Amino acid sequence: HSVNPVGVENIKALFENYTAFRESEK
C-alpha cells in the first residue's frame, strides 16, 4: 500500500521472484 512507486515495484518483484523460485523447485 506504499505511496512510493519504486518501493511498491521492488517489494512486488521480490515476492514474484520468490514465488517463481519456489515453483521452479517443484
mmCIF file of all heavy atoms, coordinates in Angstrom:
data_MODEL
# 
_entry.id   MODEL 
# 
loop_
_atom_site.group_PDB 
_atom_site.id 
_atom_site.type_symbol 
_atom_site.label_atom_id 
_atom_site.label_alt_id 
_atom_site.label_comp_id 
_atom_site.label_asym_id 
_atom_site.label_entity_id 
_atom_site.label_seq_id 
_atom_site.pdbx_PDB_ins_code 
_atom_site.Cartn_x 
_atom_site.Cartn_y 
_atom_site.Cartn_z 
_atom_site.occupancy 
_atom_site.B_iso_or_equiv 
_atom_site.pdbx_formal_charge 
_atom_site.auth_seq_id 
_atom_site.auth_comp_id 
_atom_site.auth_asym_id 
_atom_site.auth_atom_id 
_atom_site.pdbx_PDB_model_num 
ATOM 1   N N   . HIS A 1 1  ? 0.810  -1.225  0.000   1.00 0.00 ? 1  HIS A N   1 
ATOM 2   C CA  . HIS A 1 1  ? 0.000  0.000   0.000   1.00 0.00 ? 1  HIS A CA  1 
ATOM 3   C C   . HIS A 1 1  ? 0.843  1.274   0.000   1.00 0.00 ? 1  HIS A C   1 
ATOM 4   O O   . HIS A 1 1  ? 0.310  2.363   0.094   1.00 0.00 ? 1  HIS A O   1 
ATOM 5   C CB  . HIS A 1 1  ? -0.963 0.011   1.197   1.00 0.00 ? 1  HIS A CB  1 
ATOM 6   C CG  . HIS A 1 1  ? -0.274 0.102   2.520   1.00 0.00 ? 1  HIS A CG  1 
ATOM 7   N ND1 . HIS A 1 1  ? 0.035  -1.017  3.267   1.00 0.00 ? 1  HIS A ND1 1 
ATOM 8   C CD2 . HIS A 1 1  ? 0.177  1.164   3.233   1.00 0.00 ? 1  HIS A CD2 1 
ATOM 9   C CE1 . HIS A 1 1  ? 0.632  -0.640  4.386   1.00 0.00 ? 1  HIS A CE1 1 
ATOM 10  N NE2 . HIS A 1 1  ? 0.732  0.686   4.386   1.00 0.00 ? 1  HIS A NE2 1 
ATOM 11  N N   . SER A 1 2  ? 2.147  1.143   -0.126  1.00 0.00 ? 2  SER A N   1 
ATOM 12  C CA  . SER A 1 2  ? 3.050  2.294   -0.098  1.00 0.00 ? 2  SER A CA  1 
ATOM 13  C C   . SER A 1 2  ? 2.711  3.291   -1.210  1.00 0.00 ? 2  SER A C   1 
ATOM 14  O O   . SER A 1 2  ? 2.258  2.907   -2.289  1.00 0.00 ? 2  SER A O   1 
ATOM 15  C CB  . SER A 1 2  ? 4.493  1.809   -0.276  1.00 0.00 ? 2  SER A CB  1 
ATOM 16  O OG  . SER A 1 2  ? 5.381  2.903   -0.298  1.00 0.00 ? 2  SER A OG  1 
ATOM 17  N N   . VAL A 1 3  ? 2.953  4.560   -0.942  1.00 0.00 ? 3  VAL A N   1 
ATOM 18  C CA  . VAL A 1 3  ? 2.791  5.581   -1.980  1.00 0.00 ? 3  VAL A CA  1 
ATOM 19  C C   . VAL A 1 3  ? 4.099  5.804   -2.734  1.00 0.00 ? 3  VAL A C   1 
ATOM 20  O O   . VAL A 1 3  ? 4.150  6.614   -3.653  1.00 0.00 ? 3  VAL A O   1 
ATOM 21  C CB  . VAL A 1 3  ? 2.269  6.924   -1.397  1.00 0.00 ? 3  VAL A CB  1 
ATOM 22  C CG1 . VAL A 1 3  ? 0.867  6.755   -0.841  1.00 0.00 ? 3  VAL A CG1 1 
ATOM 23  C CG2 . VAL A 1 3  ? 3.211  7.483   -0.356  1.00 0.00 ? 3  VAL A CG2 1 
ATOM 24  N N   . ASN A 1 4  ? 5.146  5.091   -2.369  1.00 0.00 ? 4  ASN A N   1 
ATOM 25  C CA  . ASN A 1 4  ? 6.435  5.151   -3.054  1.00 0.00 ? 4  ASN A CA  1 
ATOM 26  C C   . ASN A 1 4  ? 6.394  4.157   -4.219  1.00 0.00 ? 4  ASN A C   1 
ATOM 27  O O   . ASN A 1 4  ? 6.472  2.951   -4.002  1.00 0.00 ? 4  ASN A O   1 
ATOM 28  C CB  . ASN A 1 4  ? 7.552  4.785   -2.066  1.00 0.00 ? 4  ASN A CB  1 
ATOM 29  C CG  . ASN A 1 4  ? 8.929  4.733   -2.689  1.00 0.00 ? 4  ASN A CG  1 
ATOM 30  O OD1 . ASN A 1 4  ? 9.076  4.457   -3.869  1.00 0.00 ? 4  ASN A OD1 1 
ATOM 31  N ND2 . ASN A 1 4  ? 9.940  4.960   -1.873  1.00 0.00 ? 4  ASN A ND2 1 
ATOM 32  N N   . PRO A 1 5  ? 6.258  4.643   -5.474  1.00 0.00 ? 5  PRO A N   1 
ATOM 33  C CA  . PRO A 1 5  ? 6.076  3.714   -6.598  1.00 0.00 ? 5  PRO A CA  1 
ATOM 34  C C   . PRO A 1 5  ? 7.264  2.779   -6.817  1.00 0.00 ? 5  PRO A C   1 
ATOM 35  O O   . PRO A 1 5  ? 7.084  1.623   -7.184  1.00 0.00 ? 5  PRO A O   1 
ATOM 36  C CB  . PRO A 1 5  ? 5.846  4.631   -7.802  1.00 0.00 ? 5  PRO A CB  1 
ATOM 37  C CG  . PRO A 1 5  ? 6.336  5.973   -7.389  1.00 0.00 ? 5  PRO A CG  1 
ATOM 38  C CD  . PRO A 1 5  ? 6.238  6.041   -5.892  1.00 0.00 ? 5  PRO A CD  1 
ATOM 39  N N   . VAL A 1 6  ? 8.473  3.258   -6.592  1.00 0.00 ? 6  VAL A N   1 
ATOM 40  C CA  . VAL A 1 6  ? 9.654  2.401   -6.742  1.00 0.00 ? 6  VAL A CA  1 
ATOM 41  C C   . VAL A 1 6  ? 9.661  1.342   -5.648  1.00 0.00 ? 6  VAL A C   1 
ATOM 42  O O   . VAL A 1 6  ? 9.936  0.165   -5.899  1.00 0.00 ? 6  VAL A O   1 
ATOM 43  C CB  . VAL A 1 6  ? 10.953 3.240   -6.737  1.00 0.00 ? 6  VAL A CB  1 
ATOM 44  C CG1 . VAL A 1 6  ? 12.184 2.351   -6.731  1.00 0.00 ? 6  VAL A CG1 1 
ATOM 45  C CG2 . VAL A 1 6  ? 10.979 4.197   -7.922  1.00 0.00 ? 6  VAL A CG2 1 
ATOM 46  N N   . GLY A 1 7  ? 9.328  1.747   -4.432  1.00 0.00 ? 7  GLY A N   1 
ATOM 47  C CA  . GLY A 1 7  ? 9.248  0.803   -3.324  1.00 0.00 ? 7  GLY A CA  1 
ATOM 48  C C   . GLY A 1 7  ? 8.206  -0.271  -3.571  1.00 0.00 ? 7  GLY A C   1 
ATOM 49  O O   . GLY A 1 7  ? 8.431  -1.454  -3.286  1.00 0.00 ? 7  GLY A O   1 
ATOM 50  N N   . VAL A 1 8  ? 7.060  0.121   -4.104  1.00 0.00 ? 8  VAL A N   1 
ATOM 51  C CA  . VAL A 1 8  ? 5.994  -0.835  -4.424  1.00 0.00 ? 8  VAL A CA  1 
ATOM 52  C C   . VAL A 1 8  ? 6.524  -1.877  -5.402  1.00 0.00 ? 8  VAL A C   1 
ATOM 53  O O   . VAL A 1 8  ? 6.378  -3.088  -5.190  1.00 0.00 ? 8  VAL A O   1 
ATOM 54  C CB  . VAL A 1 8  ? 4.748  -0.124  -5.012  1.00 0.00 ? 8  VAL A CB  1 
ATOM 55  C CG1 . VAL A 1 8  ? 3.761  -1.134  -5.572  1.00 0.00 ? 8  VAL A CG1 1 
ATOM 56  C CG2 . VAL A 1 8  ? 4.083  0.753   -3.968  1.00 0.00 ? 8  VAL A CG2 1 
ATOM 57  N N   . GLU A 1 9  ? 7.123  -1.414  -6.479  1.00 0.00 ? 9  GLU A N   1 
ATOM 58  C CA  . GLU A 1 9  ? 7.613  -2.331  -7.507  1.00 0.00 ? 9  GLU A CA  1 
ATOM 59  C C   . GLU A 1 9  ? 8.721  -3.232  -6.984  1.00 0.00 ? 9  GLU A C   1 
ATOM 60  O O   . GLU A 1 9  ? 8.784  -4.416  -7.336  1.00 0.00 ? 9  GLU A O   1 
ATOM 61  C CB  . GLU A 1 9  ? 8.069  -1.559  -8.747  1.00 0.00 ? 9  GLU A CB  1 
ATOM 62  C CG  . GLU A 1 9  ? 6.934  -0.893  -9.490  1.00 0.00 ? 9  GLU A CG  1 
ATOM 63  C CD  . GLU A 1 9  ? 5.780  -1.851  -9.809  1.00 0.00 ? 9  GLU A CD  1 
ATOM 64  O OE1 . GLU A 1 9  ? 6.026  -2.978  -10.298 1.00 0.00 ? 9  GLU A OE1 1 
ATOM 65  O OE2 . GLU A 1 9  ? 4.616  -1.484  -9.548  1.00 0.00 ? 9  GLU A OE2 1 
ATOM 66  N N   . ASN A 1 10 ? 9.596  -2.705  -6.137  1.00 0.00 ? 10 ASN A N   1 
ATOM 67  C CA  . ASN A 1 10 ? 10.687 -3.525  -5.591  1.00 0.00 ? 10 ASN A CA  1 
ATOM 68  C C   . ASN A 1 10 ? 10.157 -4.644  -4.694  1.00 0.00 ? 10 ASN A C   1 
ATOM 69  O O   . ASN A 1 10 ? 10.622 -5.782  -4.765  1.00 0.00 ? 10 ASN A O   1 
ATOM 70  C CB  . ASN A 1 10 ? 11.684 -2.661  -4.832  1.00 0.00 ? 10 ASN A CB  1 
ATOM 71  C CG  . ASN A 1 10 ? 12.545 -1.815  -5.743  1.00 0.00 ? 10 ASN A CG  1 
ATOM 72  O OD1 . ASN A 1 10 ? 12.680 -2.088  -6.931  1.00 0.00 ? 10 ASN A OD1 1 
ATOM 73  N ND2 . ASN A 1 10 ? 13.116 -0.757  -5.197  1.00 0.00 ? 10 ASN A ND2 1 
ATOM 74  N N   . ILE A 1 11 ? 9.207  -4.330  -3.835  1.00 0.00 ? 11 ILE A N   1 
ATOM 75  C CA  . ILE A 1 11 ? 8.639  -5.352  -2.952  1.00 0.00 ? 11 ILE A CA  1 
ATOM 76  C C   . ILE A 1 11 ? 7.885  -6.393  -3.775  1.00 0.00 ? 11 ILE A C   1 
ATOM 77  O O   . ILE A 1 11 ? 8.044  -7.600  -3.577  1.00 0.00 ? 11 ILE A O   1 
ATOM 78  C CB  . ILE A 1 11 ? 7.740  -4.717  -1.871  1.00 0.00 ? 11 ILE A CB  1 
ATOM 79  C CG1 . ILE A 1 11 ? 8.594  -3.887  -0.892  1.00 0.00 ? 11 ILE A CG1 1 
ATOM 80  C CG2 . ILE A 1 11 ? 6.949  -5.791  -1.119  1.00 0.00 ? 11 ILE A CG2 1 
ATOM 81  C CD1 . ILE A 1 11 ? 7.795  -3.062  0.099   1.00 0.00 ? 11 ILE A CD1 1 
ATOM 82  N N   . LYS A 1 12 ? 7.086  -5.947  -4.732  1.00 0.00 ? 12 LYS A N   1 
ATOM 83  C CA  . LYS A 1 12 ? 6.355  -6.893  -5.582  1.00 0.00 ? 12 LYS A CA  1 
ATOM 84  C C   . LYS A 1 12 ? 7.316  -7.793  -6.353  1.00 0.00 ? 12 LYS A C   1 
ATOM 85  O O   . LYS A 1 12 ? 7.096  -9.003  -6.463  1.00 0.00 ? 12 LYS A O   1 
ATOM 86  C CB  . LYS A 1 12 ? 5.442  -6.146  -6.558  1.00 0.00 ? 12 LYS A CB  1 
ATOM 87  C CG  . LYS A 1 12 ? 4.199  -5.568  -5.923  1.00 0.00 ? 12 LYS A CG  1 
ATOM 88  C CD  . LYS A 1 12 ? 3.351  -4.908  -6.992  1.00 0.00 ? 12 LYS A CD  1 
ATOM 89  C CE  . LYS A 1 12 ? 2.050  -4.387  -6.445  1.00 0.00 ? 12 LYS A CE  1 
ATOM 90  N NZ  . LYS A 1 12 ? 1.242  -3.747  -7.495  1.00 0.00 ? 12 LYS A NZ  1 
ATOM 91  N N   . ALA A 1 13 ? 8.391  -7.219  -6.896  1.00 0.00 ? 13 ALA A N   1 
ATOM 92  C CA  . ALA A 1 13 ? 9.365  -8.008  -7.663  1.00 0.00 ? 13 ALA A CA  1 
ATOM 93  C C   . ALA A 1 13 ? 10.033 -9.054  -6.774  1.00 0.00 ? 13 ALA A C   1 
ATOM 94  O O   . ALA A 1 13 ? 10.245 -10.195 -7.209  1.00 0.00 ? 13 ALA A O   1 
ATOM 95  C CB  . ALA A 1 13 ? 10.408 -7.090  -8.299  1.00 0.00 ? 13 ALA A CB  1 
ATOM 96  N N   . LEU A 1 14 ? 10.367 -8.684  -5.552  1.00 0.00 ? 14 LEU A N   1 
ATOM 97  C CA  . LEU A 1 14 ? 10.962 -9.647  -4.625  1.00 0.00 ? 14 LEU A CA  1 
ATOM 98  C C   . LEU A 1 14 ? 10.025 -10.831 -4.416  1.00 0.00 ? 14 LEU A C   1 
ATOM 99  O O   . LEU A 1 14 ? 10.442 -11.992 -4.518  1.00 0.00 ? 14 LEU A O   1 
ATOM 100 C CB  . LEU A 1 14 ? 11.265 -8.968  -3.281  1.00 0.00 ? 14 LEU A CB  1 
ATOM 101 C CG  . LEU A 1 14 ? 11.727 -9.901  -2.164  1.00 0.00 ? 14 LEU A CG  1 
ATOM 102 C CD1 . LEU A 1 14 ? 13.135 -10.431 -2.450  1.00 0.00 ? 14 LEU A CD1 1 
ATOM 103 C CD2 . LEU A 1 14 ? 11.684 -9.178  -0.822  1.00 0.00 ? 14 LEU A CD2 1 
ATOM 104 N N   . PHE A 1 15 ? 8.762  -10.558 -4.135  1.00 0.00 ? 15 PHE A N   1 
ATOM 105 C CA  . PHE A 1 15 ? 7.800  -11.631 -3.890  1.00 0.00 ? 15 PHE A CA  1 
ATOM 106 C C   . PHE A 1 15 ? 7.531  -12.456 -5.150  1.00 0.00 ? 15 PHE A C   1 
ATOM 107 O O   . PHE A 1 15 ? 7.378  -13.676 -5.086  1.00 0.00 ? 15 PHE A O   1 
ATOM 108 C CB  . PHE A 1 15 ? 6.499  -11.082 -3.320  1.00 0.00 ? 15 PHE A CB  1 
ATOM 109 C CG  . PHE A 1 15 ? 6.640  -10.554 -1.914  1.00 0.00 ? 15 PHE A CG  1 
ATOM 110 C CD1 . PHE A 1 15 ? 5.851  -9.506  -1.485  1.00 0.00 ? 15 PHE A CD1 1 
ATOM 111 C CD2 . PHE A 1 15 ? 7.539  -11.099 -1.014  1.00 0.00 ? 15 PHE A CD2 1 
ATOM 112 C CE1 . PHE A 1 15 ? 5.947  -9.024  -0.179  1.00 0.00 ? 15 PHE A CE1 1 
ATOM 113 C CE2 . PHE A 1 15 ? 7.651  -10.628 0.275   1.00 0.00 ? 15 PHE A CE2 1 
ATOM 114 C CZ  . PHE A 1 15 ? 6.849  -9.584  0.699   1.00 0.00 ? 15 PHE A CZ  1 
ATOM 115 N N   . GLU A 1 16 ? 7.478  -11.812 -6.301  1.00 0.00 ? 16 GLU A N   1 
ATOM 116 C CA  . GLU A 1 16 ? 7.278  -12.543 -7.558  1.00 0.00 ? 16 GLU A CA  1 
ATOM 117 C C   . GLU A 1 16 ? 8.462  -13.458 -7.838  1.00 0.00 ? 16 GLU A C   1 
ATOM 118 O O   . GLU A 1 16 ? 8.287  -14.603 -8.271  1.00 0.00 ? 16 GLU A O   1 
ATOM 119 C CB  . GLU A 1 16 ? 7.041  -11.565 -8.706  1.00 0.00 ? 16 GLU A CB  1 
ATOM 120 C CG  . GLU A 1 16 ? 5.680  -10.892 -8.624  1.00 0.00 ? 16 GLU A CG  1 
ATOM 121 C CD  . GLU A 1 16 ? 5.532  -9.693  -9.542  1.00 0.00 ? 16 GLU A CD  1 
ATOM 122 O OE1 . GLU A 1 16 ? 6.458  -9.404  -10.351 1.00 0.00 ? 16 GLU A OE1 1 
ATOM 123 O OE2 . GLU A 1 16 ? 4.485  -9.015  -9.451  1.00 0.00 ? 16 GLU A OE2 1 
ATOM 124 N N   . ASN A 1 17 ? 9.674  -12.969 -7.584  1.00 0.00 ? 17 ASN A N   1 
ATOM 125 C CA  . ASN A 1 17 ? 10.869 -13.796 -7.781  1.00 0.00 ? 17 ASN A CA  1 
ATOM 126 C C   . ASN A 1 17 ? 10.886 -14.977 -6.818  1.00 0.00 ? 17 ASN A C   1 
ATOM 127 O O   . ASN A 1 17 ? 11.244 -16.087 -7.185  1.00 0.00 ? 17 ASN A O   1 
ATOM 128 C CB  . ASN A 1 17 ? 12.149 -12.965 -7.625  1.00 0.00 ? 17 ASN A CB  1 
ATOM 129 C CG  . ASN A 1 17 ? 12.364 -12.033 -8.783  1.00 0.00 ? 17 ASN A CG  1 
ATOM 130 O OD1 . ASN A 1 17 ? 11.871 -12.253 -9.884  1.00 0.00 ? 17 ASN A OD1 1 
ATOM 131 N ND2 . ASN A 1 17 ? 13.105 -10.963 -8.546  1.00 0.00 ? 17 ASN A ND2 1 
ATOM 132 N N   . TYR A 1 18 ? 10.495 -14.734 -5.573  1.00 0.00 ? 18 TYR A N   1 
ATOM 133 C CA  . TYR A 1 18 ? 10.428 -15.812 -4.590  1.00 0.00 ? 18 TYR A CA  1 
ATOM 134 C C   . TYR A 1 18 ? 9.417  -16.877 -5.029  1.00 0.00 ? 18 TYR A C   1 
ATOM 135 O O   . TYR A 1 18 ? 9.696  -18.073 -4.993  1.00 0.00 ? 18 TYR A O   1 
ATOM 136 C CB  . TYR A 1 18 ? 10.054 -15.266 -3.214  1.00 0.00 ? 18 TYR A CB  1 
ATOM 137 C CG  . TYR A 1 18 ? 9.783  -16.350 -2.198  1.00 0.00 ? 18 TYR A CG  1 
ATOM 138 C CD1 . TYR A 1 18 ? 10.846 -17.039 -1.614  1.00 0.00 ? 18 TYR A CD1 1 
ATOM 139 C CD2 . TYR A 1 18 ? 8.496  -16.703 -1.840  1.00 0.00 ? 18 TYR A CD2 1 
ATOM 140 C CE1 . TYR A 1 18 ? 10.608 -18.049 -0.690  1.00 0.00 ? 18 TYR A CE1 1 
ATOM 141 C CE2 . TYR A 1 18 ? 8.252  -17.704 -0.920  1.00 0.00 ? 18 TYR A CE2 1 
ATOM 142 C CZ  . TYR A 1 18 ? 9.308  -18.370 -0.347  1.00 0.00 ? 18 TYR A CZ  1 
ATOM 143 O OH  . TYR A 1 18 ? 9.082  -19.374 0.560   1.00 0.00 ? 18 TYR A OH  1 
ATOM 144 N N   . THR A 1 19 ? 8.257  -16.430 -5.470  1.00 0.00 ? 19 THR A N   1 
ATOM 145 C CA  . THR A 1 19 ? 7.217  -17.362 -5.907  1.00 0.00 ? 19 THR A CA  1 
ATOM 146 C C   . THR A 1 19 ? 7.694  -18.169 -7.109  1.00 0.00 ? 19 THR A C   1 
ATOM 147 O O   . THR A 1 19 ? 7.484  -19.390 -7.167  1.00 0.00 ? 19 THR A O   1 
ATOM 148 C CB  . THR A 1 19 ? 5.919  -16.593 -6.232  1.00 0.00 ? 19 THR A CB  1 
ATOM 149 O OG1 . THR A 1 19 ? 5.503  -15.884 -5.052  1.00 0.00 ? 19 THR A OG1 1 
ATOM 150 C CG2 . THR A 1 19 ? 4.812  -17.514 -6.689  1.00 0.00 ? 19 THR A CG2 1 
ATOM 151 N N   . ALA A 1 20 ? 8.360  -17.519 -8.057  1.00 0.00 ? 20 ALA A N   1 
ATOM 152 C CA  . ALA A 1 20 ? 8.888  -18.231 -9.229  1.00 0.00 ? 20 ALA A CA  1 
ATOM 153 C C   . ALA A 1 20 ? 9.951  -19.247 -8.805  1.00 0.00 ? 20 ALA A C   1 
ATOM 154 O O   . ALA A 1 20 ? 9.987  -20.373 -9.325  1.00 0.00 ? 20 ALA A O   1 
ATOM 155 C CB  . ALA A 1 20 ? 9.475  -17.230 -10.232 1.00 0.00 ? 20 ALA A CB  1 
ATOM 156 N N   . PHE A 1 21 ? 10.793 -18.871 -7.862  1.00 0.00 ? 21 PHE A N   1 
ATOM 157 C CA  . PHE A 1 21 ? 11.819 -19.784 -7.356  1.00 0.00 ? 21 PHE A CA  1 
ATOM 158 C C   . PHE A 1 21 ? 11.175 -21.014 -6.723  1.00 0.00 ? 21 PHE A C   1 
ATOM 159 O O   . PHE A 1 21 ? 11.564 -22.147 -7.002  1.00 0.00 ? 21 PHE A O   1 
ATOM 160 C CB  . PHE A 1 21 ? 12.714 -19.058 -6.335  1.00 0.00 ? 21 PHE A CB  1 
ATOM 161 C CG  . PHE A 1 21 ? 13.620 -19.982 -5.575  1.00 0.00 ? 21 PHE A CG  1 
ATOM 162 C CD1 . PHE A 1 21 ? 14.729 -20.543 -6.176  1.00 0.00 ? 21 PHE A CD1 1 
ATOM 163 C CD2 . PHE A 1 21 ? 13.349 -20.289 -4.255  1.00 0.00 ? 21 PHE A CD2 1 
ATOM 164 C CE1 . PHE A 1 21 ? 15.567 -21.402 -5.463  1.00 0.00 ? 21 PHE A CE1 1 
ATOM 165 C CE2 . PHE A 1 21 ? 14.165 -21.142 -3.537  1.00 0.00 ? 21 PHE A CE2 1 
ATOM 166 C CZ  . PHE A 1 21 ? 15.289 -21.706 -4.149  1.00 0.00 ? 21 PHE A CZ  1 
ATOM 167 N N   . ARG A 1 22 ? 10.173 -20.802 -5.884  1.00 0.00 ? 22 ARG A N   1 
ATOM 168 C CA  . ARG A 1 22 ? 9.507  -21.925 -5.223  1.00 0.00 ? 22 ARG A CA  1 
ATOM 169 C C   . ARG A 1 22 ? 8.809  -22.833 -6.245  1.00 0.00 ? 22 ARG A C   1 
ATOM 170 O O   . ARG A 1 22 ? 8.810  -24.047 -6.096  1.00 0.00 ? 22 ARG A O   1 
ATOM 171 C CB  . ARG A 1 22 ? 8.482  -21.416 -4.192  1.00 0.00 ? 22 ARG A CB  1 
ATOM 172 C CG  . ARG A 1 22 ? 9.070  -20.721 -2.992  1.00 0.00 ? 22 ARG A CG  1 
ATOM 173 C CD  . ARG A 1 22 ? 9.967  -21.622 -2.163  1.00 0.00 ? 22 ARG A CD  1 
ATOM 174 N NE  . ARG A 1 22 ? 9.245  -22.739 -1.624  1.00 0.00 ? 22 ARG A NE  1 
ATOM 175 C CZ  . ARG A 1 22 ? 9.232  -23.114 -0.354  1.00 0.00 ? 22 ARG A CZ  1 
ATOM 176 N NH1 . ARG A 1 22 ? 9.953  -22.456 0.517   1.00 0.00 ? 22 ARG A NH1 1 
ATOM 177 N NH2 . ARG A 1 22 ? 8.532  -24.146 0.044   1.00 0.00 ? 22 ARG A NH2 1 
ATOM 178 N N   . GLU A 1 23 ? 8.231  -22.239 -7.267  1.00 0.00 ? 23 GLU A N   1 
ATOM 179 C CA  . GLU A 1 23 ? 7.586  -23.026 -8.319  1.00 0.00 ? 23 GLU A CA  1 
ATOM 180 C C   . GLU A 1 23 ? 8.619  -23.848 -9.085  1.00 0.00 ? 23 GLU A C   1 
ATOM 181 O O   . GLU A 1 23 ? 8.363  -24.996 -9.436  1.00 0.00 ? 23 GLU A O   1 
ATOM 182 C CB  . GLU A 1 23 ? 6.800  -22.127 -9.275  1.00 0.00 ? 23 GLU A CB  1 
ATOM 183 C CG  . GLU A 1 23 ? 5.549  -21.542 -8.669  1.00 0.00 ? 23 GLU A CG  1 
ATOM 184 C CD  . GLU A 1 23 ? 4.537  -22.590 -8.225  1.00 0.00 ? 23 GLU A CD  1 
ATOM 185 O OE1 . GLU A 1 23 ? 4.307  -23.558 -8.976  1.00 0.00 ? 23 GLU A OE1 1 
ATOM 186 O OE2 . GLU A 1 23 ? 3.979  -22.450 -7.124  1.00 0.00 ? 23 GLU A OE2 1 
ATOM 187 N N   . SER A 1 24 ? 9.791  -23.263 -9.341  1.00 0.00 ? 24 SER A N   1 
ATOM 188 C CA  . SER A 1 24 ? 10.834 -23.989 -10.081 1.00 0.00 ? 24 SER A CA  1 
ATOM 189 C C   . SER A 1 24 ? 11.378 -25.163 -9.275  1.00 0.00 ? 24 SER A C   1 
ATOM 190 O O   . SER A 1 24 ? 11.835 -26.150 -9.843  1.00 0.00 ? 24 SER A O   1 
ATOM 191 C CB  . SER A 1 24 ? 11.968 -23.040 -10.482 1.00 0.00 ? 24 SER A CB  1 
ATOM 192 O OG  . SER A 1 24 ? 12.756 -22.683 -9.353  1.00 0.00 ? 24 SER A OG  1 
ATOM 193 N N   . GLU A 1 25 ? 11.328 -25.060 -7.942  1.00 0.00 ? 25 GLU A N   1 
ATOM 194 C CA  . GLU A 1 25 ? 11.785 -26.169 -7.106  1.00 0.00 ? 25 GLU A CA  1 
ATOM 195 C C   . GLU A 1 25 ? 10.880 -27.387 -7.231  1.00 0.00 ? 25 GLU A C   1 
ATOM 196 O O   . GLU A 1 25 ? 11.299 -28.513 -6.995  1.00 0.00 ? 25 GLU A O   1 
ATOM 197 C CB  . GLU A 1 25 ? 11.790 -25.741 -5.625  1.00 0.00 ? 25 GLU A CB  1 
ATOM 198 C CG  . GLU A 1 25 ? 12.936 -24.848 -5.240  1.00 0.00 ? 25 GLU A CG  1 
ATOM 199 C CD  . GLU A 1 25 ? 12.945 -24.612 -3.744  1.00 0.00 ? 25 GLU A CD  1 
ATOM 200 O OE1 . GLU A 1 25 ? 11.879 -24.348 -3.155  1.00 0.00 ? 25 GLU A OE1 1 
ATOM 201 O OE2 . GLU A 1 25 ? 14.042 -24.707 -3.164  1.00 0.00 ? 25 GLU A OE2 1 
ATOM 202 N N   . LYS A 1 26 ? 9.619  -27.152 -7.583  1.00 0.00 ? 26 LYS A N   1 
ATOM 203 C CA  . LYS A 1 26 ? 8.650  -28.242 -7.691  1.00 0.00 ? 26 LYS A CA  1 
ATOM 204 C C   . LYS A 1 26 ? 8.829  -29.053 -8.968  1.00 0.00 ? 26 LYS A C   1 
ATOM 205 O O   . LYS A 1 26 ? 8.296  -30.134 -9.083  1.00 0.00 ? 26 LYS A O   1 
ATOM 206 C CB  . LYS A 1 26 ? 7.223  -27.687 -7.630  1.00 0.00 ? 26 LYS A CB  1 
ATOM 207 C CG  . LYS A 1 26 ? 6.875  -27.070 -6.301  1.00 0.00 ? 26 LYS A CG  1 
ATOM 208 C CD  . LYS A 1 26 ? 5.479  -26.486 -6.337  1.00 0.00 ? 26 LYS A CD  1 
ATOM 209 C CE  . LYS A 1 26 ? 5.139  -25.788 -5.025  1.00 0.00 ? 26 LYS A CE  1 
ATOM 210 N NZ  . LYS A 1 26 ? 3.827  -25.150 -5.090  1.00 0.00 ? 26 LYS A NZ  1 
# 
